[in-house]
Amino acid sequence: KQLTEAVTKVTWTADGKGIEPGYFEKFPVSVGALPEDTDTLVF
Protein backbone atom coordinates (compact mmCIF):
# COMPACT_ATOMS: atom_id res chain seq x y z
CA LYS A 1 0.00 0.00 0.00
CA GLN A 2 1.13 3.53 -0.74
CA LEU A 3 0.81 5.73 2.33
CA THR A 4 0.34 9.46 1.77
CA GLU A 5 -0.69 10.17 5.37
CA ALA A 6 -0.27 8.41 8.68
CA VAL A 7 -0.82 8.82 12.41
CA THR A 8 1.93 11.10 13.67
CA LYS A 9 0.77 11.68 17.24
CA VAL A 10 -1.53 10.26 19.90
CA THR A 11 -2.45 12.46 22.87
CA TRP A 12 -3.98 11.31 26.16
CA THR A 13 -5.49 14.04 28.38
CA ALA A 14 -6.79 13.28 31.87
CA ASP A 15 -10.48 13.93 32.56
CA GLY A 16 -9.92 13.59 36.30
CA LYS A 17 -6.93 13.36 38.64
CA GLY A 18 -4.55 11.80 36.13
CA ILE A 19 -1.58 9.79 37.39
CA GLU A 20 -1.08 10.74 41.02
CA PRO A 21 2.29 10.65 42.88
CA GLY A 22 3.45 7.12 43.58
CA TYR A 23 1.55 5.57 40.65
CA PHE A 24 2.01 4.74 36.98
CA GLU A 25 -0.35 4.15 34.06
CA LYS A 26 -0.18 2.02 30.92
CA PHE A 27 -1.55 3.31 27.62
CA PRO A 28 -2.06 0.40 25.15
CA VAL A 29 -2.03 0.93 21.40
CA SER A 30 -2.50 -1.60 18.59
CA VAL A 31 0.00 -0.89 15.80
CA GLY A 32 0.96 -2.39 12.46
CA ALA A 33 2.05 -3.46 10.12
CA LEU A 34 5.49 -3.11 11.71
CA PRO A 35 8.35 -2.25 9.33
CA GLU A 36 10.69 -4.97 8.13
CA ASP A 37 13.70 -2.78 7.34
CA THR A 38 14.58 -1.62 10.86
CA ASP A 39 15.23 -3.17 14.26
CA THR A 40 13.79 -0.36 16.38
CA LEU A 41 11.10 2.31 16.39
CA VAL A 42 11.59 5.53 18.35
CA PHE A 43 8.56 7.24 19.91
PDB file of all heavy atoms in Angstrom:
ATOM      1  N   LYS A   1       0.837  -1.196   0.000  1.00  0.00           N
ATOM      2  CA  LYS A   1       0.000   0.000   0.000  1.00  0.00           C
ATOM      3  C   LYS A   1       0.871   1.244   0.000  1.00  0.00           C
ATOM      4  O   LYS A   1       1.920   1.279   0.637  1.00  0.00           O
ATOM      5  CB  LYS A   1      -0.911   0.014   1.231  1.00  0.00           C
ATOM      6  CG  LYS A   1      -1.918  -1.121   1.284  1.00  0.00           C
ATOM      7  CD  LYS A   1      -2.787  -1.006   2.519  1.00  0.00           C
ATOM      8  CE  LYS A   1      -3.797  -2.135   2.594  1.00  0.00           C
ATOM      9  NZ  LYS A   1      -4.644  -2.038   3.823  1.00  0.00           N
ATOM     10  N   GLN A   2       0.415   2.264  -0.729  1.00  0.00           N
ATOM     11  CA  GLN A   2       1.133   3.528  -0.739  1.00  0.00           C
ATOM     12  C   GLN A   2       0.508   4.455   0.293  1.00  0.00           C
ATOM     13  O   GLN A   2      -0.675   4.790   0.218  1.00  0.00           O
ATOM     14  CB  GLN A   2       1.103   4.179  -2.126  1.00  0.00           C
ATOM     15  CG  GLN A   2       2.029   5.398  -2.221  1.00  0.00           C
ATOM     16  CD  GLN A   2       2.041   5.995  -3.616  1.00  0.00           C
ATOM     17  OE1 GLN A   2       0.996   6.332  -4.149  1.00  0.00           O
ATOM     18  NE2 GLN A   2       3.227   6.117  -4.208  1.00  0.00           N
ATOM     19  N   LEU A   3       1.304   4.860   1.276  1.00  0.00           N
ATOM     20  CA  LEU A   3       0.811   5.733   2.333  1.00  0.00           C
ATOM     21  C   LEU A   3       1.156   7.182   2.015  1.00  0.00           C
ATOM     22  O   LEU A   3       2.318   7.519   1.804  1.00  0.00           O
ATOM     23  CB  LEU A   3       1.435   5.343   3.681  1.00  0.00           C
ATOM     24  CG  LEU A   3       1.132   3.940   4.217  1.00  0.00           C
ATOM     25  CD1 LEU A   3       1.826   3.750   5.558  1.00  0.00           C
ATOM     26  CD2 LEU A   3      -0.362   3.726   4.356  1.00  0.00           C
ATOM     27  N   THR A   4       0.124   8.020   1.978  1.00  0.00           N
ATOM     28  CA  THR A   4       0.339   9.460   1.775  1.00  0.00           C
ATOM     29  C   THR A   4       0.143  10.220   3.076  1.00  0.00           C
ATOM     30  O   THR A   4       0.571  11.365   3.204  1.00  0.00           O
ATOM     31  CB  THR A   4      -0.623  10.012   0.702  1.00  0.00           C
ATOM     32  OG1 THR A   4      -1.968   9.751   1.120  1.00  0.00           O
ATOM     33  CG2 THR A   4      -0.360   9.332  -0.637  1.00  0.00           C
ATOM     34  N   GLU A   5      -0.539   9.592   4.042  1.00  0.00           N
ATOM     35  CA  GLU A   5      -0.688  10.171   5.375  1.00  0.00           C
ATOM     36  C   GLU A   5      -0.668   9.055   6.402  1.00  0.00           C
ATOM     37  O   GLU A   5      -0.937   7.895   6.087  1.00  0.00           O
ATOM     38  CB  GLU A   5      -1.976  10.993   5.489  1.00  0.00           C
ATOM     39  CG  GLU A   5      -3.253  10.174   5.465  1.00  0.00           C
ATOM     40  CD  GLU A   5      -4.470  11.020   5.803  1.00  0.00           C
ATOM     41  OE1 GLU A   5      -4.364  12.268   5.815  1.00  0.00           O
ATOM     42  OE2 GLU A   5      -5.534  10.431   6.070  1.00  0.00           O
ATOM     43  N   ALA A   6      -0.352   9.414   7.617  1.00  0.00           N
ATOM     44  CA  ALA A   6      -0.270   8.410   8.683  1.00  0.00           C
ATOM     45  C   ALA A   6      -0.456   9.097  10.023  1.00  0.00           C
ATOM     46  O   ALA A   6      -0.376  10.329  10.132  1.00  0.00           O
ATOM     47  CB  ALA A   6       1.079   7.692   8.634  1.00  0.00           C
ATOM     48  N   VAL A   7      -0.716   8.290  11.055  1.00  0.00           N
ATOM     49  CA  VAL A   7      -0.823   8.825  12.409  1.00  0.00           C
ATOM     50  C   VAL A   7       0.561   9.288  12.853  1.00  0.00           C
ATOM     51  O   VAL A   7       1.527   8.523  12.817  1.00  0.00           O
ATOM     52  CB  VAL A   7      -1.371   7.762  13.383  1.00  0.00           C
ATOM     53  CG1 VAL A   7      -1.295   8.266  14.831  1.00  0.00           C
ATOM     54  CG2 VAL A   7      -2.800   7.399  13.031  1.00  0.00           C
ATOM     55  N   THR A   8       0.646  10.539  13.241  1.00  0.00           N
ATOM     56  CA  THR A   8       1.933  11.096  13.675  1.00  0.00           C
ATOM     57  C   THR A   8       1.965  11.406  15.166  1.00  0.00           C
ATOM     58  O   THR A   8       3.038  11.631  15.724  1.00  0.00           O
ATOM     59  CB  THR A   8       2.260  12.382  12.895  1.00  0.00           C
ATOM     60  OG1 THR A   8       1.145  13.284  12.988  1.00  0.00           O
ATOM     61  CG2 THR A   8       2.531  12.057  11.426  1.00  0.00           C
ATOM     62  N   LYS A   9       0.786  11.409  15.803  1.00  0.00           N
ATOM     63  CA  LYS A   9       0.773  11.676  17.242  1.00  0.00           C
ATOM     64  C   LYS A   9      -0.510  11.157  17.873  1.00  0.00           C
ATOM     65  O   LYS A   9      -1.583  11.229  17.279  1.00  0.00           O
ATOM     66  CB  LYS A   9       0.923  13.170  17.525  1.00  0.00           C
ATOM     67  CG  LYS A   9       1.013  13.497  19.021  1.00  0.00           C
ATOM     68  CD  LYS A   9       1.474  14.930  19.280  1.00  0.00           C
ATOM     69  CE  LYS A   9       0.451  15.949  18.858  1.00  0.00           C
ATOM     70  NZ  LYS A   9       0.837  17.322  19.300  1.00  0.00           N
ATOM     71  N   VAL A  10      -0.382  10.622  19.084  1.00  0.00           N
ATOM     72  CA  VAL A  10      -1.535  10.255  19.899  1.00  0.00           C
ATOM     73  C   VAL A  10      -1.392  10.990  21.230  1.00  0.00           C
ATOM     74  O   VAL A  10      -0.330  10.962  21.856  1.00  0.00           O
ATOM     75  CB  VAL A  10      -1.623   8.736  20.135  1.00  0.00           C
ATOM     76  CG1 VAL A  10      -2.801   8.411  21.061  1.00  0.00           C
ATOM     77  CG2 VAL A  10      -1.784   7.994  18.813  1.00  0.00           C
ATOM     78  N   THR A  11      -2.478  11.658  21.644  1.00  0.00           N
ATOM     79  CA  THR A  11      -2.453  12.456  22.869  1.00  0.00           C
ATOM     80  C   THR A  11      -3.505  11.944  23.851  1.00  0.00           C
ATOM     81  O   THR A  11      -4.669  11.756  23.485  1.00  0.00           O
ATOM     82  CB  THR A  11      -2.736  13.940  22.568  1.00  0.00           C
ATOM     83  OG1 THR A  11      -1.777  14.414  21.618  1.00  0.00           O
ATOM     84  CG2 THR A  11      -2.647  14.781  23.833  1.00  0.00           C
ATOM     85  N   TRP A  12      -3.080  11.694  25.086  1.00  0.00           N
ATOM     86  CA  TRP A  12      -3.982  11.311  26.162  1.00  0.00           C
ATOM     87  C   TRP A  12      -4.065  12.476  27.146  1.00  0.00           C
ATOM     88  O   TRP A  12      -3.041  12.940  27.654  1.00  0.00           O
ATOM     89  CB  TRP A  12      -3.477  10.074  26.890  1.00  0.00           C
ATOM     90  CG  TRP A  12      -3.526   8.792  26.116  1.00  0.00           C
ATOM     91  CD1 TRP A  12      -4.518   7.849  26.131  1.00  0.00           C
ATOM     92  CD2 TRP A  12      -2.518   8.278  25.220  1.00  0.00           C
ATOM     93  NE1 TRP A  12      -4.203   6.798  25.311  1.00  0.00           N
ATOM     94  CE2 TRP A  12      -2.980   7.029  24.735  1.00  0.00           C
ATOM     95  CE3 TRP A  12      -1.272   8.753  24.782  1.00  0.00           C
ATOM     96  CZ2 TRP A  12      -2.243   6.257  23.841  1.00  0.00           C
ATOM     97  CZ3 TRP A  12      -0.538   7.997  23.893  1.00  0.00           C
ATOM     98  CH2 TRP A  12      -1.024   6.760  23.423  1.00  0.00           C
ATOM     99  N   THR A  13      -5.282  12.939  27.434  1.00  0.00           N
ATOM    100  CA  THR A  13      -5.485  14.040  28.381  1.00  0.00           C
ATOM    101  C   THR A  13      -6.416  13.568  29.491  1.00  0.00           C
ATOM    102  O   THR A  13      -7.496  13.018  29.220  1.00  0.00           O
ATOM    103  CB  THR A  13      -6.096  15.263  27.680  1.00  0.00           C
ATOM    104  OG1 THR A  13      -5.261  15.639  26.576  1.00  0.00           O
ATOM    105  CG2 THR A  13      -6.198  16.443  28.644  1.00  0.00           C
ATOM    106  N   ALA A  14      -6.012  13.773  30.730  1.00  0.00           N
ATOM    107  CA  ALA A  14      -6.788  13.283  31.867  1.00  0.00           C
ATOM    108  C   ALA A  14      -8.090  14.054  32.023  1.00  0.00           C
ATOM    109  O   ALA A  14      -8.112  15.288  31.934  1.00  0.00           O
ATOM    110  CB  ALA A  14      -5.959  13.387  33.143  1.00  0.00           C
ATOM    111  N   ASP A  15      -9.180  13.314  32.254  1.00  0.00           N
ATOM    112  CA  ASP A  15     -10.477  13.925  32.562  1.00  0.00           C
ATOM    113  C   ASP A  15     -10.607  14.191  34.057  1.00  0.00           C
ATOM    114  O   ASP A  15     -11.423  15.009  34.478  1.00  0.00           O
ATOM    115  CB  ASP A  15     -11.619  13.011  32.122  1.00  0.00           C
ATOM    116  CG  ASP A  15     -11.779  13.007  30.606  1.00  0.00           C
ATOM    117  OD1 ASP A  15     -11.387  13.991  29.972  1.00  0.00           O
ATOM    118  OD2 ASP A  15     -12.283  12.006  30.067  1.00  0.00           O
ATOM    119  N   GLY A  16      -9.832  13.470  34.848  1.00  0.00           N
ATOM    120  CA  GLY A  16      -9.922  13.595  36.301  1.00  0.00           C
ATOM    121  C   GLY A  16      -8.579  13.933  36.917  1.00  0.00           C
ATOM    122  O   GLY A  16      -7.906  14.883  36.527  1.00  0.00           O
ATOM    123  N   LYS A  17      -8.156  13.091  37.886  1.00  0.00           N
ATOM    124  CA  LYS A  17      -6.933  13.362  38.640  1.00  0.00           C
ATOM    125  C   LYS A  17      -5.658  13.040  37.865  1.00  0.00           C
ATOM    126  O   LYS A  17      -4.583  13.516  38.210  1.00  0.00           O
ATOM    127  CB  LYS A  17      -6.946  12.560  39.949  1.00  0.00           C
ATOM    128  CG  LYS A  17      -8.059  12.961  40.905  1.00  0.00           C
ATOM    129  CD  LYS A  17      -7.995  12.127  42.182  1.00  0.00           C
ATOM    130  CE  LYS A  17      -9.097  12.515  43.155  1.00  0.00           C
ATOM    131  NZ  LYS A  17      -9.037  11.693  44.399  1.00  0.00           N
ATOM    132  N   GLY A  18      -5.761  12.199  36.847  1.00  0.00           N
ATOM    133  CA  GLY A  18      -4.553  11.799  36.125  1.00  0.00           C
ATOM    134  C   GLY A  18      -3.770  10.758  36.904  1.00  0.00           C
ATOM    135  O   GLY A  18      -4.316   9.989  37.692  1.00  0.00           O
ATOM    136  N   ILE A  19      -2.457  10.737  36.690  1.00  0.00           N
ATOM    137  CA  ILE A  19      -1.580   9.790  37.392  1.00  0.00           C
ATOM    138  C   ILE A  19      -1.032  10.491  38.623  1.00  0.00           C
ATOM    139  O   ILE A  19      -0.196  11.389  38.519  1.00  0.00           O
ATOM    140  CB  ILE A  19      -0.430   9.306  36.493  1.00  0.00           C
ATOM    141  CG1 ILE A  19      -0.973   8.785  35.161  1.00  0.00           C
ATOM    142  CG2 ILE A  19       0.372   8.215  37.195  1.00  0.00           C
ATOM    143  CD1 ILE A  19       0.111   8.481  34.145  1.00  0.00           C
ATOM    144  N   GLU A  20      -1.476  10.078  39.790  1.00  0.00           N
ATOM    145  CA  GLU A  20      -1.076  10.738  41.025  1.00  0.00           C
ATOM    146  C   GLU A  20       0.317  10.276  41.468  1.00  0.00           C
ATOM    147  O   GLU A  20       0.821   9.246  41.014  1.00  0.00           O
ATOM    148  CB  GLU A  20      -2.113  10.452  42.106  1.00  0.00           C
ATOM    149  CG  GLU A  20      -3.496  10.998  41.784  1.00  0.00           C
ATOM    150  CD  GLU A  20      -4.481  10.746  42.906  1.00  0.00           C
ATOM    151  OE1 GLU A  20      -4.584  11.608  43.794  1.00  0.00           O
ATOM    152  OE2 GLU A  20      -5.146   9.694  42.881  1.00  0.00           O
ATOM    153  N   PRO A  21       0.969  11.031  42.368  1.00  0.00           N
ATOM    154  CA  PRO A  21       2.289  10.653  42.876  1.00  0.00           C
ATOM    155  C   PRO A  21       2.293   9.241  43.439  1.00  0.00           C
ATOM    156  O   PRO A  21       1.373   8.828  44.136  1.00  0.00           O
ATOM    157  CB  PRO A  21       2.548  11.698  43.970  1.00  0.00           C
ATOM    158  CG  PRO A  21       1.779  12.898  43.524  1.00  0.00           C
ATOM    159  CD  PRO A  21       0.519  12.334  42.898  1.00  0.00           C
ATOM    160  N   GLY A  22       3.328   8.489  43.091  1.00  0.00           N
ATOM    161  CA  GLY A  22       3.450   7.120  43.577  1.00  0.00           C
ATOM    162  C   GLY A  22       2.786   6.080  42.700  1.00  0.00           C
ATOM    163  O   GLY A  22       2.784   4.903  43.039  1.00  0.00           O
ATOM    164  N   TYR A  23       2.233   6.497  41.534  1.00  0.00           N
ATOM    165  CA  TYR A  23       1.546   5.570  40.649  1.00  0.00           C
ATOM    166  C   TYR A  23       2.073   5.694  39.210  1.00  0.00           C
ATOM    167  O   TYR A  23       2.772   6.643  38.870  1.00  0.00           O
ATOM    168  CB  TYR A  23       0.031   5.839  40.647  1.00  0.00           C
ATOM    169  CG  TYR A  23      -0.655   5.419  41.920  1.00  0.00           C
ATOM    170  CD1 TYR A  23      -0.624   6.253  43.049  1.00  0.00           C
ATOM    171  CD2 TYR A  23      -1.310   4.198  42.012  1.00  0.00           C
ATOM    172  CE1 TYR A  23      -1.239   5.861  44.230  1.00  0.00           C
ATOM    173  CE2 TYR A  23      -1.925   3.809  43.190  1.00  0.00           C
ATOM    174  CZ  TYR A  23      -1.888   4.642  44.298  1.00  0.00           C
ATOM    175  OH  TYR A  23      -2.490   4.253  45.463  1.00  0.00           O
ATOM    176  N   PHE A  24       1.714   4.673  38.400  1.00  0.00           N
ATOM    177  CA  PHE A  24       2.011   4.744  36.976  1.00  0.00           C
ATOM    178  C   PHE A  24       0.761   4.297  36.217  1.00  0.00           C
ATOM    179  O   PHE A  24      -0.170   3.740  36.772  1.00  0.00           O
ATOM    180  CB  PHE A  24       3.219   3.877  36.598  1.00  0.00           C
ATOM    181  CG  PHE A  24       2.969   2.389  36.638  1.00  0.00           C
ATOM    182  CD1 PHE A  24       2.450   1.719  35.531  1.00  0.00           C
ATOM    183  CD2 PHE A  24       3.252   1.647  37.774  1.00  0.00           C
ATOM    184  CE1 PHE A  24       2.207   0.356  35.554  1.00  0.00           C
ATOM    185  CE2 PHE A  24       3.009   0.277  37.812  1.00  0.00           C
ATOM    186  CZ  PHE A  24       2.489  -0.370  36.706  1.00  0.00           C
ATOM    187  N   GLU A  25       0.761   4.541  34.929  1.00  0.00           N
ATOM    188  CA  GLU A  25      -0.351   4.148  34.060  1.00  0.00           C
ATOM    189  C   GLU A  25       0.207   3.556  32.779  1.00  0.00           C
ATOM    190  O   GLU A  25       1.282   3.950  32.307  1.00  0.00           O
ATOM    191  CB  GLU A  25      -1.212   5.367  33.721  1.00  0.00           C
ATOM    192  CG  GLU A  25      -2.469   5.052  32.932  1.00  0.00           C
ATOM    193  CD  GLU A  25      -3.623   4.620  33.831  1.00  0.00           C
ATOM    194  OE1 GLU A  25      -4.009   5.388  34.717  1.00  0.00           O
ATOM    195  OE2 GLU A  25      -4.130   3.499  33.609  1.00  0.00           O
ATOM    196  N   LYS A  26      -0.535   2.578  32.212  1.00  0.00           N
ATOM    197  CA  LYS A  26      -0.178   2.018  30.916  1.00  0.00           C
ATOM    198  C   LYS A  26      -1.199   2.460  29.873  1.00  0.00           C
ATOM    199  O   LYS A  26      -2.406   2.411  30.126  1.00  0.00           O
ATOM    200  CB  LYS A  26      -0.123   0.487  30.973  1.00  0.00           C
ATOM    201  CG  LYS A  26       1.077  -0.070  31.726  1.00  0.00           C
ATOM    202  CD  LYS A  26       1.076  -1.589  31.672  1.00  0.00           C
ATOM    203  CE  LYS A  26       2.280  -2.162  32.406  1.00  0.00           C
ATOM    204  NZ  LYS A  26       2.296  -3.643  32.349  1.00  0.00           N
ATOM    205  N   PHE A  27      -0.697   2.861  28.711  1.00  0.00           N
ATOM    206  CA  PHE A  27      -1.554   3.306  27.625  1.00  0.00           C
ATOM    207  C   PHE A  27      -1.344   2.369  26.428  1.00  0.00           C
ATOM    208  O   PHE A  27      -0.377   2.518  25.678  1.00  0.00           O
ATOM    209  CB  PHE A  27      -1.225   4.750  27.249  1.00  0.00           C
ATOM    210  CG  PHE A  27      -1.430   5.730  28.374  1.00  0.00           C
ATOM    211  CD1 PHE A  27      -0.422   6.003  29.273  1.00  0.00           C
ATOM    212  CD2 PHE A  27      -2.653   6.366  28.538  1.00  0.00           C
ATOM    213  CE1 PHE A  27      -0.608   6.900  30.325  1.00  0.00           C
ATOM    214  CE2 PHE A  27      -2.868   7.265  29.570  1.00  0.00           C
ATOM    215  CZ  PHE A  27      -1.843   7.530  30.472  1.00  0.00           C
ATOM    216  N   PRO A  28      -2.237   1.392  26.228  1.00  0.00           N
ATOM    217  CA  PRO A  28      -2.057   0.405  25.154  1.00  0.00           C
ATOM    218  C   PRO A  28      -2.487   0.942  23.790  1.00  0.00           C
ATOM    219  O   PRO A  28      -3.477   1.665  23.668  1.00  0.00           O
ATOM    220  CB  PRO A  28      -2.967  -0.758  25.586  1.00  0.00           C
ATOM    221  CG  PRO A  28      -3.390  -0.448  26.991  1.00  0.00           C
ATOM    222  CD  PRO A  28      -3.344   1.038  27.111  1.00  0.00           C
ATOM    223  N   VAL A  29      -1.722   0.547  22.769  1.00  0.00           N
ATOM    224  CA  VAL A  29      -2.028   0.931  21.396  1.00  0.00           C
ATOM    225  C   VAL A  29      -1.759  -0.273  20.489  1.00  0.00           C
ATOM    226  O   VAL A  29      -0.699  -0.906  20.586  1.00  0.00           O
ATOM    227  CB  VAL A  29      -1.167   2.124  20.918  1.00  0.00           C
ATOM    228  CG1 VAL A  29      -1.563   2.522  19.506  1.00  0.00           C
ATOM    229  CG2 VAL A  29      -1.328   3.312  21.852  1.00  0.00           C
ATOM    230  N   SER A  30      -2.720  -0.576  19.605  1.00  0.00           N
ATOM    231  CA  SER A  30      -2.499  -1.604  18.591  1.00  0.00           C
ATOM    232  C   SER A  30      -1.861  -0.946  17.378  1.00  0.00           C
ATOM    233  O   SER A  30      -2.378   0.058  16.865  1.00  0.00           O
ATOM    234  CB  SER A  30      -3.838  -2.242  18.206  1.00  0.00           C
ATOM    235  OG  SER A  30      -3.654  -3.116  17.098  1.00  0.00           O
ATOM    236  N   VAL A  31      -0.730  -1.486  16.924  1.00  0.00           N
ATOM    237  CA  VAL A  31       0.002  -0.887  15.800  1.00  0.00           C
ATOM    238  C   VAL A  31       0.367  -1.943  14.765  1.00  0.00           C
ATOM    239  O   VAL A  31       0.486  -3.124  15.066  1.00  0.00           O
ATOM    240  CB  VAL A  31       1.295  -0.187  16.291  1.00  0.00           C
ATOM    241  CG1 VAL A  31       0.965   0.974  17.203  1.00  0.00           C
ATOM    242  CG2 VAL A  31       2.211  -1.179  17.009  1.00  0.00           C
ATOM    243  N   GLY A  32       0.538  -1.493  13.529  1.00  0.00           N
ATOM    244  CA  GLY A  32       0.965  -2.388  12.460  1.00  0.00           C
ATOM    245  C   GLY A  32       0.690  -1.765  11.097  1.00  0.00           C
ATOM    246  O   GLY A  32       0.080  -0.695  11.016  1.00  0.00           O
ATOM    247  N   ALA A  33       1.099  -2.379  10.043  1.00  0.00           N
ATOM    248  CA  ALA A  33       2.054  -3.464  10.119  1.00  0.00           C
ATOM    249  C   ALA A  33       3.433  -2.886  10.441  1.00  0.00           C
ATOM    250  O   ALA A  33       3.805  -1.831   9.932  1.00  0.00           O
ATOM    251  CB  ALA A  33       2.103  -4.240   8.806  1.00  0.00           C
ATOM    252  N   LEU A  34       4.177  -3.585  11.292  1.00  0.00           N
ATOM    253  CA  LEU A  34       5.489  -3.105  11.710  1.00  0.00           C
ATOM    254  C   LEU A  34       6.484  -3.208  10.562  1.00  0.00           C
ATOM    255  O   LEU A  34       6.434  -4.146   9.760  1.00  0.00           O
ATOM    256  CB  LEU A  34       5.975  -3.917  12.908  1.00  0.00           C
ATOM    257  CG  LEU A  34       5.100  -3.792  14.166  1.00  0.00           C
ATOM    258  CD1 LEU A  34       5.536  -4.788  15.225  1.00  0.00           C
ATOM    259  CD2 LEU A  34       5.154  -2.377  14.714  1.00  0.00           C
ATOM    260  N   PRO A  35       7.396  -2.240  10.449  1.00  0.00           N
ATOM    261  CA  PRO A  35       8.352  -2.245   9.334  1.00  0.00           C
ATOM    262  C   PRO A  35       9.289  -3.448   9.388  1.00  0.00           C
ATOM    263  O   PRO A  35       9.563  -3.990  10.460  1.00  0.00           O
ATOM    264  CB  PRO A  35       9.114  -0.935   9.527  1.00  0.00           C
ATOM    265  CG  PRO A  35       8.970  -0.619  10.978  1.00  0.00           C
ATOM    266  CD  PRO A  35       7.606  -1.110  11.358  1.00  0.00           C
ATOM    267  N   GLU A  36       9.783  -3.826   8.228  1.00  0.00           N
ATOM    268  CA  GLU A  36      10.694  -4.971   8.130  1.00  0.00           C
ATOM    269  C   GLU A  36      12.135  -4.545   7.871  1.00  0.00           C
ATOM    270  O   GLU A  36      13.022  -5.393   7.838  1.00  0.00           O
ATOM    271  CB  GLU A  36      10.219  -5.916   7.019  1.00  0.00           C
ATOM    272  CG  GLU A  36       8.820  -6.455   7.251  1.00  0.00           C
ATOM    273  CD  GLU A  36       8.387  -7.437   6.180  1.00  0.00           C
ATOM    274  OE1 GLU A  36       9.025  -8.507   6.070  1.00  0.00           O
ATOM    275  OE2 GLU A  36       7.431  -7.134   5.442  1.00  0.00           O
ATOM    276  N   ASP A  37      12.356  -3.247   7.683  1.00  0.00           N
ATOM    277  CA  ASP A  37      13.696  -2.780   7.336  1.00  0.00           C
ATOM    278  C   ASP A  37      14.372  -2.013   8.467  1.00  0.00           C
ATOM    279  O   ASP A  37      15.272  -1.209   8.243  1.00  0.00           O
ATOM    280  CB  ASP A  37      13.637  -1.889   6.084  1.00  0.00           C
ATOM    281  CG  ASP A  37      12.693  -0.706   6.256  1.00  0.00           C
ATOM    282  OD1 ASP A  37      11.946  -0.676   7.258  1.00  0.00           O
ATOM    283  OD2 ASP A  37      12.708   0.188   5.388  1.00  0.00           O
ATOM    284  N   THR A  38      13.932  -2.235   9.709  1.00  0.00           N
ATOM    285  CA  THR A  38      14.579  -1.615  10.863  1.00  0.00           C
ATOM    286  C   THR A  38      14.409  -2.514  12.076  1.00  0.00           C
ATOM    287  O   THR A  38      13.504  -3.364  12.107  1.00  0.00           O
ATOM    288  CB  THR A  38      13.992  -0.221  11.153  1.00  0.00           C
ATOM    289  OG1 THR A  38      14.727   0.393  12.219  1.00  0.00           O
ATOM    290  CG2 THR A  38      12.530  -0.320  11.558  1.00  0.00           C
ATOM    291  N   ASP A  39      15.290  -2.351  13.050  1.00  0.00           N
ATOM    292  CA  ASP A  39      15.232  -3.170  14.262  1.00  0.00           C
ATOM    293  C   ASP A  39      14.548  -2.446  15.417  1.00  0.00           C
ATOM    294  O   ASP A  39      14.202  -3.065  16.431  1.00  0.00           O
ATOM    295  CB  ASP A  39      16.644  -3.578  14.700  1.00  0.00           C
ATOM    296  CG  ASP A  39      17.321  -4.489  13.688  1.00  0.00           C
ATOM    297  OD1 ASP A  39      16.618  -5.306  13.073  1.00  0.00           O
ATOM    298  OD2 ASP A  39      18.555  -4.373  13.511  1.00  0.00           O
ATOM    299  N   THR A  40      14.377  -1.134  15.290  1.00  0.00           N
ATOM    300  CA  THR A  40      13.786  -0.359  16.378  1.00  0.00           C
ATOM    301  C   THR A  40      12.878   0.738  15.838  1.00  0.00           C
ATOM    302  O   THR A  40      13.033   1.190  14.703  1.00  0.00           O
ATOM    303  CB  THR A  40      14.875   0.303  17.252  1.00  0.00           C
ATOM    304  OG1 THR A  40      15.686   1.159  16.434  1.00  0.00           O
ATOM    305  CG2 THR A  40      15.753  -0.737  17.924  1.00  0.00           C
ATOM    306  N   LEU A  41      11.936   1.154  16.669  1.00  0.00           N
ATOM    307  CA  LEU A  41      11.104   2.310  16.392  1.00  0.00           C
ATOM    308  C   LEU A  41      11.211   3.256  17.588  1.00  0.00           C
ATOM    309  O   LEU A  41      11.091   2.829  18.736  1.00  0.00           O
ATOM    310  CB  LEU A  41       9.644   1.911  16.183  1.00  0.00           C
ATOM    311  CG  LEU A  41       9.298   1.166  14.887  1.00  0.00           C
ATOM    312  CD1 LEU A  41       7.821   0.786  14.893  1.00  0.00           C
ATOM    313  CD2 LEU A  41       9.627   2.007  13.667  1.00  0.00           C
ATOM    314  N   VAL A  42      11.435   4.528  17.302  1.00  0.00           N
ATOM    315  CA  VAL A  42      11.588   5.534  18.355  1.00  0.00           C
ATOM    316  C   VAL A  42      10.315   6.370  18.446  1.00  0.00           C
ATOM    317  O   VAL A  42       9.841   6.905  17.442  1.00  0.00           O
ATOM    318  CB  VAL A  42      12.800   6.444  18.088  1.00  0.00           C
ATOM    319  CG1 VAL A  42      12.919   7.499  19.182  1.00  0.00           C
ATOM    320  CG2 VAL A  42      14.090   5.623  18.004  1.00  0.00           C
ATOM    321  N   PHE A  43       9.763   6.454  19.660  1.00  0.00           N
ATOM    322  CA  PHE A  43       8.558   7.239  19.906  1.00  0.00           C
ATOM    323  C   PHE A  43       8.908   8.364  20.885  1.00  0.00           C
ATOM    324  O   PHE A  43       9.080   8.107  22.076  1.00  0.00           O
ATOM    325  CB  PHE A  43       7.450   6.374  20.500  1.00  0.00           C
ATOM    326  CG  PHE A  43       7.006   5.239  19.621  1.00  0.00           C
ATOM    327  CD1 PHE A  43       7.681   4.020  19.646  1.00  0.00           C
ATOM    328  CD2 PHE A  43       5.924   5.376  18.766  1.00  0.00           C
ATOM    329  CE1 PHE A  43       7.274   2.963  18.853  1.00  0.00           C
ATOM    330  CE2 PHE A  43       5.511   4.332  17.960  1.00  0.00           C
ATOM    331  CZ  PHE A  43       6.189   3.123  17.993  1.00  0.00           C
TER     332      PHE A  43
END
